[in-house]
Amino acid sequence: MDGYQGKLKHSLQFWLSLWMATCIIIVTFGAVAMSFALAFHEANEFQDDQLRQVAALVDSHYISRPPLHIKSVLMGDDDTRLIVQILSQQGIDEGISQNEHKLMLPDSISDGVQTITIDSVDWRVFVKPLNDVRIAVSQPTSVRNEIAKDSALRTLVPLVLLIPLLIILIGILIKKMFQPVKTLAFSLDVRPEQEFGLLDETALPLEIRPFIAAINRLLTRVERLVNNQRRFIADAAHELRSPLTALSLQAERLSEAEMTGTAKARVATMRQGIARTQALINQLLTLARIQEHAPNHQAPISLQRTIRLVLEDLIPQAEQKNLDVGMTDDTDIEIVADEIELKLLVKNLIDNAIRYTPRNGRVDLSINVTGSVATLLIADTGPGINEHDRERVFDTFFRVLGNEQAGSGLGLSIAKTAANNIGAAIELSHTHVSPPCGLSVTVKFTHFTNAN
């Protein structure tokens, strides 16, 4: 819960939605109050017009004037409670019976619309002269206010219902406005490690473009720095090849000379060290070349044929350890890739399996096609790799602790880079789950066709 609340606390989308929702609520309630006041006032004005209309109807004889012996009459229903009275020019005529509806209007009441209080009750009264008498139309203000309030409240219902709708719409719109940023972040996440291309800012809001422009400048600087490092490694490795080759020749000639057994052993050890250094330099040159991510030519290449070519080079190494290395089926596919990079990928993975499989072990290779994905499986009977080391083994110069085999820690890094360049993915697991042992390397290809 704390992590979720922490995310909300630092979420621009959350705070923008919250403040906009707060502003909408404040403005809407202000509009509600103003609308209620205006609607209430208009409803009272409308009811004043009703009093005038009733008096006009009496004047026009649409409503019969009460007989002279009936001084007042109750009109309408219990909700409106309109009282029409006949007044003399001096005030209320006397002699009205107790059963009649009447108001004791003051003698000094003037013509027009006015509010008076009778027996602690407020009345709205309209008085109009009519020949020798006057017509008084009265209505309790409590009834008028209740009618006006009901009318005003009905006008507020749409406004109140719009508040949650507006808040939901604002949340949806803000989320949609931030979608280009999320799309850009996703495109950065799925980029290959060696890809430093500039970000496209044409589809982004103007406010975000300066930030994206700064990221593009940073990517340019990082790409320049990485290229300088790669160039330095390649140049250094290239410069070391010639003296190491000369040193290797001198060591070979030295081993042919007459010397003691101890000296011969030391020369043999020196030659092994020189050979490992030469292999390391060759791998550095290979890694620097494929990290440029510029394949010479991409074409459909038979995976079976590539494996056979690689095995021709590695079989002597496998025979020295009496390993059983081979394909378990005849399935073949054609990978659309650069031939050199595909061969580097397969060679480094098989070489790694042969190198770390104990004597008299097995290295099985198989090709499977499932739907739109083809897989190359390389399973050995070696010690395997622990789960917490499986991500780091692809880093340059990383070697699993306790490993006695000679190596430089570049083979899997080269394989990973080559796989990225041709659009493949490498997954590591145990060959046998219980007990966990062996290493199973799965290479997944998506750009392939079935071989004829």
Protein backbone atom coordinates (compact mmCIF):
# COMPACT_ATOMS: atom_id res chain seq x y z
CA MET A 1 0.00 0.00 0.00
CA ASP A 2 2.86 2.37 0.86
CA GLY A 3 4.43 1.75 -2.54
CA TYR A 4 1.15 2.48 -4.31
CA GLN A 5 0.61 5.66 -2.28
CA GLY A 6 4.18 6.69 -2.99
CA LYS A 7 3.58 6.30 -6.72
CA LEU A 8 0.44 8.42 -6.50
CA LYS A 9 2.32 11.07 -4.50
CA HIS A 10 4.85 11.49 -7.32
CA SER A 11 2.40 10.97 -10.21
CA LEU A 12 1.92 14.03 -12.41
CA GLN A 13 -1.16 12.43 -13.95
CA PHE A 14 -2.70 11.85 -10.50
CA TRP A 15 -2.09 15.40 -9.25
CA LEU A 16 -3.27 16.96 -12.51
CA SER A 17 -6.47 14.91 -12.36
CA LEU A 18 -6.95 15.75 -8.67
CA TRP A 19 -6.53 19.49 -9.11
CA MET A 20 -8.75 19.61 -12.19
CA ALA A 21 -11.41 17.58 -10.38
CA THR A 22 -11.19 19.95 -7.41
CA CYS A 23 -11.55 23.00 -9.67
CA ILE A 24 -14.52 21.40 -11.42
CA ILE A 25 -16.23 20.68 -8.10
CA ILE A 26 -15.65 24.24 -6.79
CA VAL A 27 -16.77 25.91 -10.01
CA THR A 28 -19.74 23.57 -10.37
CA PHE A 29 -20.95 24.21 -6.83
CA GLY A 30 -20.58 27.95 -7.42
CA ALA A 31 -22.61 27.60 -10.59
CA VAL A 32 -25.16 25.49 -8.69
CA ALA A 33 -25.58 28.16 -6.02
CA MET A 34 -25.94 30.92 -8.62
CA SER A 35 -28.34 28.85 -10.71
CA PHE A 36 -30.42 28.05 -7.64
CA ALA A 37 -30.66 31.74 -6.69
CA LEU A 38 -31.60 32.80 -10.21
CA ALA A 39 -34.10 29.96 -10.65
CA PHE A 40 -35.63 30.72 -7.25
CA HIS A 41 -35.99 34.40 -8.16
CA GLU A 42 -37.45 33.60 -11.57
CA ALA A 43 -39.94 31.17 -10.03
CA ASN A 44 -41.15 33.90 -7.64
CA GLU A 45 -41.42 36.34 -10.55
CA PHE A 46 -43.43 33.74 -12.45
CA GLN A 47 -45.80 33.32 -9.50
CA ASP A 48 -46.24 37.10 -9.29
CA ASP A 49 -47.25 36.97 -12.94
CA GLN A 50 -49.74 34.24 -12.04
CA LEU A 51 -51.37 36.59 -9.50
CA ARG A 52 -51.65 39.26 -12.21
CA GLN A 53 -53.09 36.76 -14.68
CA VAL A 54 -55.77 35.63 -12.21
CA ALA A 55 -56.77 39.25 -11.64
CA ALA A 56 -56.80 39.86 -15.39
CA LEU A 57 -59.04 36.85 -15.92
CA VAL A 58 -61.51 38.21 -13.37
CA ASP A 59 -61.36 41.58 -15.10
CA SER A 60 -61.98 39.94 -18.49
CA HIS A 61 -64.86 37.87 -17.07
CA TYR A 62 -63.13 34.57 -17.81
CA ILE A 63 -63.58 33.98 -14.11
CA SER A 64 -66.91 35.09 -12.67
CA ARG A 65 -66.60 37.81 -10.12
CA PRO A 66 -67.90 36.67 -6.75
CA PRO A 67 -71.34 37.99 -5.89
CA LEU A 68 -71.39 41.03 -3.71
CA HIS A 69 -72.64 39.06 -0.71
CA ILE A 70 -69.56 36.76 -1.04
CA LYS A 71 -66.56 38.89 -0.40
CA SER A 72 -63.81 36.24 -1.03
CA VAL A 73 -63.35 32.88 -2.68
CA LEU A 74 -60.58 30.22 -2.51
CA MET A 75 -59.33 29.27 -5.98
CA GLY A 76 -57.04 26.49 -7.17
CA ASP A 77 -56.03 23.46 -5.09
CA ASP A 78 -54.37 23.04 -1.73
CA ASP A 79 -50.94 23.46 -3.29
CA THR A 80 -51.50 26.90 -4.82
CA ARG A 81 -54.00 28.27 -2.23
CA LEU A 82 -54.97 31.39 -4.19
CA ILE A 83 -57.55 33.66 -2.51
CA VAL A 84 -59.54 36.18 -4.57
CA GLN A 85 -61.28 38.92 -2.59
CA ILE A 86 -63.57 41.82 -3.47
CA LEU A 87 -62.46 45.01 -1.77
CA SER A 88 -64.26 48.32 -1.58
CA GLN A 89 -62.35 51.43 -2.40
CA GLN A 90 -61.92 51.98 1.33
CA GLY A 91 -60.80 48.45 2.25
CA ILE A 92 -62.56 45.15 3.05
CA ASP A 93 -66.34 45.14 3.04
CA GLU A 94 -67.90 44.11 6.27
CA GLY A 95 -70.50 41.46 6.80
CA ILE A 96 -68.55 38.48 5.48
CA SER A 97 -69.71 35.22 6.95
CA GLN A 98 -67.42 33.03 9.09
CA ASN A 99 -67.41 30.27 6.49
CA GLU A 100 -65.90 32.46 3.81
CA HIS A 101 -62.17 32.41 2.98
CA LYS A 102 -60.89 35.84 3.67
CA LEU A 103 -57.86 37.76 4.74
CA MET A 104 -58.05 40.75 7.00
CA LEU A 105 -56.20 43.03 4.63
CA PRO A 106 -55.34 46.47 6.00
CA ASP A 107 -57.38 49.42 4.88
CA SER A 108 -54.29 51.18 3.64
CA ILE A 109 -53.26 48.42 1.27
CA SER A 110 -52.16 49.90 -2.04
CA ASP A 111 -52.56 48.66 -5.56
CA GLY A 112 -49.93 46.38 -7.09
CA VAL A 113 -47.83 43.44 -5.85
CA GLN A 114 -46.70 43.50 -2.25
CA THR A 115 -45.90 41.28 0.73
CA ILE A 116 -47.82 41.69 3.96
CA THR A 117 -47.92 39.79 7.26
CA ILE A 118 -51.28 38.73 8.73
CA ASP A 119 -51.39 36.75 11.97
CA SER A 120 -47.64 35.96 11.70
CA VAL A 121 -48.11 34.55 8.18
CA ASP A 122 -46.54 36.22 5.16
CA TRP A 123 -48.77 36.72 2.14
CA ARG A 124 -48.04 37.84 -1.37
CA VAL A 125 -50.92 40.07 -2.51
CA PHE A 126 -51.79 41.68 -5.83
CA VAL A 127 -54.45 44.41 -5.72
CA LYS A 128 -56.08 45.72 -8.90
CA PRO A 129 -58.85 48.35 -9.26
CA LEU A 130 -61.99 47.11 -11.03
CA ASN A 131 -64.78 49.73 -11.60
CA ASP A 132 -66.02 50.69 -8.12
CA VAL A 133 -64.24 47.85 -6.32
CA ARG A 134 -60.81 46.30 -6.19
CA ILE A 135 -59.69 42.72 -6.75
CA ALA A 136 -57.15 41.28 -4.31
CA VAL A 137 -55.43 38.02 -5.23
CA SER A 138 -53.39 36.55 -2.36
CA GLN A 139 -51.13 33.57 -1.84
CA PRO A 140 -49.03 32.42 1.18
CA THR A 141 -45.32 33.05 0.66
CA SER A 142 -44.51 29.64 2.19
CA VAL A 143 -46.38 27.95 -0.64
CA ARG A 144 -44.69 30.18 -3.18
CA ASN A 145 -41.26 29.49 -1.72
CA GLU A 146 -41.86 25.74 -1.73
CA ILE A 147 -42.93 25.81 -5.36
CA ALA A 148 -39.98 28.04 -6.27
CA LYS A 149 -37.54 25.80 -4.40
CA ASP A 150 -38.84 22.66 -6.13
CA SER A 151 -38.53 24.36 -9.49
CA ALA A 152 -35.01 25.59 -8.73
CA LEU A 153 -33.86 22.17 -7.49
CA ARG A 154 -35.02 20.52 -10.69
CA THR A 155 -32.73 22.82 -12.65
CA LEU A 156 -29.78 21.76 -10.47
CA VAL A 157 -30.07 18.01 -11.03
CA PRO A 158 -28.30 18.03 -14.44
CA LEU A 159 -25.44 20.13 -13.06
CA VAL A 160 -24.91 17.84 -10.07
CA LEU A 161 -25.03 14.73 -12.26
CA LEU A 162 -22.42 16.25 -14.58
CA ILE A 163 -19.77 16.45 -11.82
CA PRO A 164 -18.81 12.72 -11.74
CA LEU A 165 -19.16 12.51 -15.51
CA LEU A 166 -16.75 15.43 -16.01
CA ILE A 167 -14.27 13.96 -13.52
CA ILE A 168 -14.31 10.61 -15.35
CA LEU A 169 -13.93 12.30 -18.74
CA ILE A 170 -11.02 14.40 -17.47
CA GLY A 171 -9.27 11.29 -16.14
CA ILE A 172 -9.71 9.54 -19.50
CA LEU A 173 -8.49 12.58 -21.46
CA ILE A 174 -5.43 13.09 -19.26
CA LYS A 175 -4.56 9.39 -19.55
CA LYS A 176 -4.92 9.64 -23.32
CA MET A 177 -2.75 12.77 -23.41
CA PHE A 178 0.01 10.95 -21.51
CA GLN A 179 -0.23 7.90 -23.79
CA PRO A 180 2.47 9.16 -26.24
CA VAL A 181 4.88 9.39 -23.30
CA LYS A 182 4.12 5.80 -22.26
CA THR A 183 4.50 4.65 -25.87
CA LEU A 184 7.86 6.38 -26.07
CA ALA A 185 8.98 4.77 -22.79
CA PHE A 186 7.91 1.33 -24.10
CA SER A 187 9.85 1.85 -27.34
CA LEU A 188 12.94 2.69 -25.28
CA ASP A 189 12.50 -0.43 -23.13
CA VAL A 190 12.33 -2.79 -26.11
CA ARG A 191 15.31 -1.26 -27.89
CA PRO A 192 18.37 -3.45 -28.36
CA GLU A 193 21.27 -2.62 -26.08
CA GLN A 194 23.41 -1.38 -28.95
CA GLU A 195 20.74 0.86 -30.49
CA PHE A 196 21.36 4.57 -29.95
CA GLY A 197 19.04 6.01 -32.61
CA LEU A 198 17.35 9.32 -31.93
CA LEU A 199 13.81 9.42 -30.56
CA ASP A 200 11.00 10.61 -32.81
CA GLU A 201 9.44 13.71 -31.27
CA THR A 202 6.99 14.63 -34.05
CA ALA A 203 4.00 12.90 -32.39
CA LEU A 204 4.72 14.33 -28.91
CA PRO A 205 3.25 17.46 -27.30
CA LEU A 206 5.25 20.66 -27.59
CA GLU A 207 5.83 20.79 -23.83
CA ILE A 208 7.65 17.43 -23.87
CA ARG A 209 9.78 18.03 -26.96
CA PRO A 210 12.57 19.96 -25.15
CA PHE A 211 12.95 17.00 -22.78
CA ILE A 212 13.07 14.54 -25.69
CA ALA A 213 15.57 16.78 -27.48
CA ALA A 214 17.79 16.67 -24.37
CA ILE A 215 17.53 12.85 -24.32
CA ASN A 216 18.50 12.73 -28.01
CA ARG A 217 21.56 14.86 -27.31
CA LEU A 218 22.46 12.54 -24.43
CA LEU A 219 22.03 9.48 -26.69
CA THR A 220 24.32 11.09 -29.24
CA ARG A 221 27.00 11.69 -26.62
CA VAL A 222 26.66 8.15 -25.26
CA GLU A 223 26.86 6.67 -28.75
CA ARG A 224 29.99 8.69 -29.45
CA LEU A 225 31.55 7.54 -26.18
CA VAL A 226 30.67 3.87 -26.79
CA ASN A 227 32.01 4.04 -30.34
CA ASN A 228 35.26 5.52 -29.05
CA GLN A 229 35.59 2.70 -26.52
CA ARG A 230 34.87 0.07 -29.15
CA ARG A 231 37.36 1.66 -31.51
CA PHE A 232 39.97 1.75 -28.77
CA ILE A 233 39.42 -1.94 -27.94
CA ALA A 234 39.53 -2.91 -31.61
CA ASP A 235 42.67 -0.84 -32.27
CA ALA A 236 44.38 -2.15 -29.15
CA ALA A 237 43.50 -5.75 -29.99
CA HIS A 238 44.65 -5.26 -33.57
CA GLU A 239 47.94 -3.74 -32.44
CA LEU A 240 48.53 -6.63 -30.04
CA ARG A 241 48.02 -9.32 -32.67
CA SER A 242 51.33 -8.75 -34.47
CA PRO A 243 53.63 -8.80 -31.41
CA LEU A 244 51.75 -11.77 -29.94
CA THR A 245 52.10 -13.67 -33.22
CA ALA A 246 55.81 -12.94 -33.24
CA LEU A 247 56.06 -13.96 -29.58
CA SER A 248 54.22 -17.20 -30.36
CA LEU A 249 56.67 -18.01 -33.16
CA GLN A 250 59.63 -17.29 -30.93
CA ALA A 251 58.15 -19.53 -28.21
CA GLU A 252 57.61 -22.31 -30.74
CA ARG A 253 61.23 -22.08 -31.90
CA LEU A 254 62.39 -21.96 -28.32
CA SER A 255 60.51 -25.18 -27.54
CA GLU A 256 62.52 -26.94 -30.28
CA ALA A 257 65.82 -25.96 -28.75
CA GLU A 258 67.83 -28.14 -26.38
CA MET A 259 66.86 -27.42 -22.78
CA THR A 260 66.11 -29.13 -19.52
CA GLY A 261 62.77 -30.72 -18.72
CA THR A 262 61.89 -27.90 -16.31
CA ALA A 263 62.60 -25.30 -18.97
CA LYS A 264 60.50 -27.21 -21.52
CA ALA A 265 57.57 -27.31 -19.06
CA ARG A 266 57.83 -23.59 -18.48
CA VAL A 267 58.00 -22.88 -22.22
CA ALA A 268 54.89 -25.05 -22.73
CA THR A 269 53.07 -23.08 -20.05
CA MET A 270 54.17 -19.84 -21.73
CA ARG A 271 52.87 -21.05 -25.10
CA GLN A 272 49.49 -21.91 -23.53
CA GLY A 273 49.28 -18.42 -22.07
CA ILE A 274 50.15 -16.87 -25.42
CA ALA A 275 47.47 -19.01 -27.11
CA ARG A 276 44.83 -17.90 -24.58
CA THR A 277 45.85 -14.28 -25.08
CA GLN A 278 45.58 -14.67 -28.86
CA ALA A 279 42.13 -16.22 -28.47
CA LEU A 280 41.10 -13.34 -26.21
CA ILE A 281 42.30 -10.76 -28.74
CA ASN A 282 40.44 -12.52 -31.55
CA GLN A 283 37.27 -12.53 -29.45
CA LEU A 284 37.70 -8.84 -28.64
CA LEU A 285 38.00 -8.06 -32.34
CA THR A 286 34.96 -10.18 -33.10
CA LEU A 287 32.91 -8.54 -30.35
CA ALA A 288 33.91 -5.04 -31.48
CA ARG A 289 32.95 -5.87 -35.07
CA ILE A 290 29.51 -7.32 -34.38
CA GLN A 291 28.68 -4.57 -31.88
CA GLU A 292 28.74 -2.13 -34.78
CA HIS A 293 25.39 -3.68 -35.73
CA ALA A 294 26.02 -3.35 -39.45
CA PRO A 295 25.46 -6.77 -41.06
CA ASN A 296 27.04 -7.06 -44.48
CA HIS A 297 24.26 -9.03 -46.11
CA GLN A 298 21.07 -10.65 -44.88
CA ALA A 299 19.69 -13.65 -46.74
CA PRO A 300 17.96 -16.96 -45.99
CA ILE A 301 20.58 -19.29 -44.49
CA SER A 302 20.10 -22.98 -43.72
CA LEU A 303 20.46 -23.53 -39.97
CA GLN A 304 21.39 -27.23 -40.45
CA ARG A 305 24.19 -26.29 -42.84
CA THR A 306 25.51 -23.64 -40.44
CA ILE A 307 25.55 -26.18 -37.58
CA ARG A 308 27.45 -28.70 -39.73
CA LEU A 309 30.07 -26.09 -40.64
CA VAL A 310 30.50 -25.17 -36.98
CA LEU A 311 30.77 -28.82 -35.90
CA GLU A 312 33.52 -29.44 -38.48
CA ASP A 313 35.64 -26.89 -36.61
CA LEU A 314 34.69 -28.06 -33.10
CA ILE A 315 34.65 -31.85 -33.48
CA PRO A 316 38.38 -32.20 -32.72
CA GLN A 317 37.79 -30.34 -29.46
CA ALA A 318 34.87 -32.65 -28.62
CA GLU A 319 36.85 -35.80 -29.50
CA GLN A 320 39.57 -34.85 -27.05
CA LYS A 321 36.96 -35.13 -24.27
CA ASN A 322 35.14 -38.10 -25.84
CA LEU A 323 31.87 -36.15 -26.09
CA ASP A 324 28.81 -37.28 -28.04
CA VAL A 325 27.87 -34.18 -30.08
CA GLY A 326 25.24 -34.18 -32.81
CA MET A 327 21.74 -33.40 -34.07
CA THR A 328 18.80 -35.34 -32.72
CA ASP A 329 16.53 -34.72 -35.77
CA ASP A 330 16.63 -33.69 -39.42
CA THR A 331 14.41 -30.59 -39.16
CA ASP A 332 15.82 -27.62 -41.06
CA ILE A 333 14.84 -23.97 -41.37
CA GLU A 334 16.27 -20.97 -43.18
CA ILE A 335 17.11 -17.97 -40.99
CA VAL A 336 17.02 -14.52 -42.57
CA ALA A 337 20.25 -13.09 -41.16
CA ASP A 338 23.84 -12.22 -41.84
CA GLU A 339 25.72 -15.49 -42.39
CA ILE A 340 28.78 -14.48 -40.36
CA GLU A 341 26.71 -13.38 -37.35
CA LEU A 342 24.55 -16.54 -37.44
CA LYS A 343 27.69 -18.67 -37.54
CA LEU A 344 29.18 -16.72 -34.62
CA LEU A 345 26.01 -17.26 -32.62
CA VAL A 346 25.90 -21.03 -33.20
CA LYS A 347 29.67 -21.50 -32.83
CA ASN A 348 29.98 -19.70 -29.50
CA LEU A 349 27.01 -21.55 -27.98
CA ILE A 350 28.22 -24.99 -29.10
CA ASP A 351 31.80 -24.15 -28.12
CA ASN A 352 30.57 -23.11 -24.67
CA ALA A 353 28.65 -26.42 -24.32
CA ILE A 354 31.66 -28.51 -25.37
CA ARG A 355 34.05 -26.54 -23.18
CA TYR A 356 32.04 -26.97 -19.95
CA THR A 357 30.73 -30.53 -20.47
CA PRO A 358 32.79 -33.14 -18.58
CA ARG A 359 34.49 -36.03 -20.35
CA ASN A 360 32.24 -38.74 -21.81
CA GLY A 361 29.28 -36.34 -21.73
CA ARG A 362 26.66 -35.39 -24.33
CA VAL A 363 25.75 -32.27 -26.29
CA ASP A 364 22.44 -32.64 -28.15
CA LEU A 365 21.21 -30.16 -30.76
CA SER A 366 17.67 -30.00 -32.13
CA ILE A 367 15.51 -27.66 -34.22
CA ASN A 368 11.79 -27.23 -33.55
CA VAL A 369 9.11 -25.10 -35.21
CA THR A 370 6.01 -24.06 -33.26
CA GLY A 371 3.71 -21.64 -35.02
CA SER A 372 5.60 -18.45 -35.84
CA VAL A 373 8.63 -19.29 -33.66
CA ALA A 374 11.51 -21.60 -34.47
CA THR A 375 13.93 -22.75 -31.76
CA LEU A 376 17.45 -24.14 -31.71
CA LEU A 377 17.99 -26.20 -28.53
CA ILE A 378 21.50 -26.97 -27.29
CA ALA A 379 21.41 -29.25 -24.23
CA ASP A 380 24.54 -30.54 -22.47
CA THR A 381 25.31 -32.67 -19.44
CA GLY A 382 27.59 -30.13 -17.79
CA PRO A 383 27.23 -28.44 -14.39
CA GLY A 384 24.74 -25.84 -15.64
CA ILE A 385 24.40 -22.22 -14.48
CA ASN A 386 22.64 -21.07 -11.33
CA GLU A 387 19.56 -18.92 -11.81
CA HIS A 388 21.09 -15.84 -10.16
CA ASP A 389 24.03 -15.98 -12.64
CA ARG A 390 22.02 -16.48 -15.84
CA GLU A 391 21.61 -12.79 -16.61
CA ARG A 392 25.21 -11.87 -15.78
CA VAL A 393 26.84 -14.58 -17.89
CA PHE A 394 26.09 -12.46 -20.97
CA ASP A 395 28.19 -9.60 -19.59
CA THR A 396 31.69 -9.22 -20.98
CA PHE A 397 34.46 -10.89 -18.95
CA PHE A 398 32.02 -12.38 -16.43
CA ARG A 399 32.81 -15.94 -15.39
CA VAL A 400 30.99 -18.14 -12.91
CA LEU A 401 32.95 -18.57 -9.68
CA GLY A 402 34.50 -21.98 -9.11
CA ASN A 403 34.83 -22.68 -12.84
CA GLU A 404 38.12 -24.40 -13.66
CA GLN A 405 37.79 -24.25 -17.45
CA ALA A 406 39.99 -21.78 -19.33
CA GLY A 407 38.12 -18.93 -20.89
CA SER A 408 37.83 -15.17 -21.21
CA GLY A 409 34.14 -14.61 -20.43
CA LEU A 410 33.39 -13.26 -23.92
CA GLY A 411 31.79 -16.25 -25.68
CA LEU A 412 28.23 -15.79 -24.39
CA SER A 413 28.54 -12.01 -24.73
CA ILE A 414 29.40 -12.43 -28.42
CA ALA A 415 26.50 -14.89 -28.83
CA LYS A 416 24.06 -12.48 -27.16
CA THR A 417 25.16 -9.57 -29.36
CA ALA A 418 24.89 -11.67 -32.52
CA ALA A 419 21.42 -12.87 -31.46
CA ASN A 420 20.27 -9.29 -30.92
CA ASN A 421 21.57 -8.28 -34.34
CA ILE A 422 19.60 -10.98 -36.16
CA GLY A 423 16.44 -10.57 -34.03
CA ALA A 424 16.79 -13.76 -31.99
CA ALA A 425 16.42 -14.34 -28.23
CA ILE A 426 18.46 -16.61 -25.95
CA GLU A 427 17.02 -18.35 -22.88
CA LEU A 428 18.92 -20.46 -20.32
CA SER A 429 17.57 -23.27 -18.15
CA HIS A 430 18.55 -26.58 -16.59
CA THR A 431 18.59 -29.63 -18.85
CA HIS A 432 17.35 -31.83 -16.01
CA VAL A 433 15.09 -30.23 -13.41
CA SER A 434 15.34 -32.85 -10.64
CA PRO A 435 18.09 -32.75 -9.62
CA PRO A 436 18.96 -29.49 -11.46
CA CYS A 437 21.95 -30.13 -13.71
CA GLY A 438 23.13 -29.49 -17.23
CA LEU A 439 22.57 -26.37 -19.29
CA SER A 440 19.83 -26.01 -21.87
CA VAL A 441 20.24 -23.07 -24.25
CA THR A 442 17.19 -22.14 -26.32
CA VAL A 443 17.57 -19.72 -29.24
CA LYS A 444 14.24 -18.42 -30.56
CA PHE A 445 14.01 -17.16 -34.15
CA THR A 446 11.09 -15.20 -35.60
CA HIS A 447 12.52 -14.32 -39.03
CA PHE A 448 12.69 -17.71 -40.75
CA THR A 449 11.18 -19.89 -43.45
CA ASN A 450 10.82 -23.67 -43.65
CA ALA A 451 13.59 -25.24 -45.72
CA ASN A 452 12.56 -27.22 -48.81
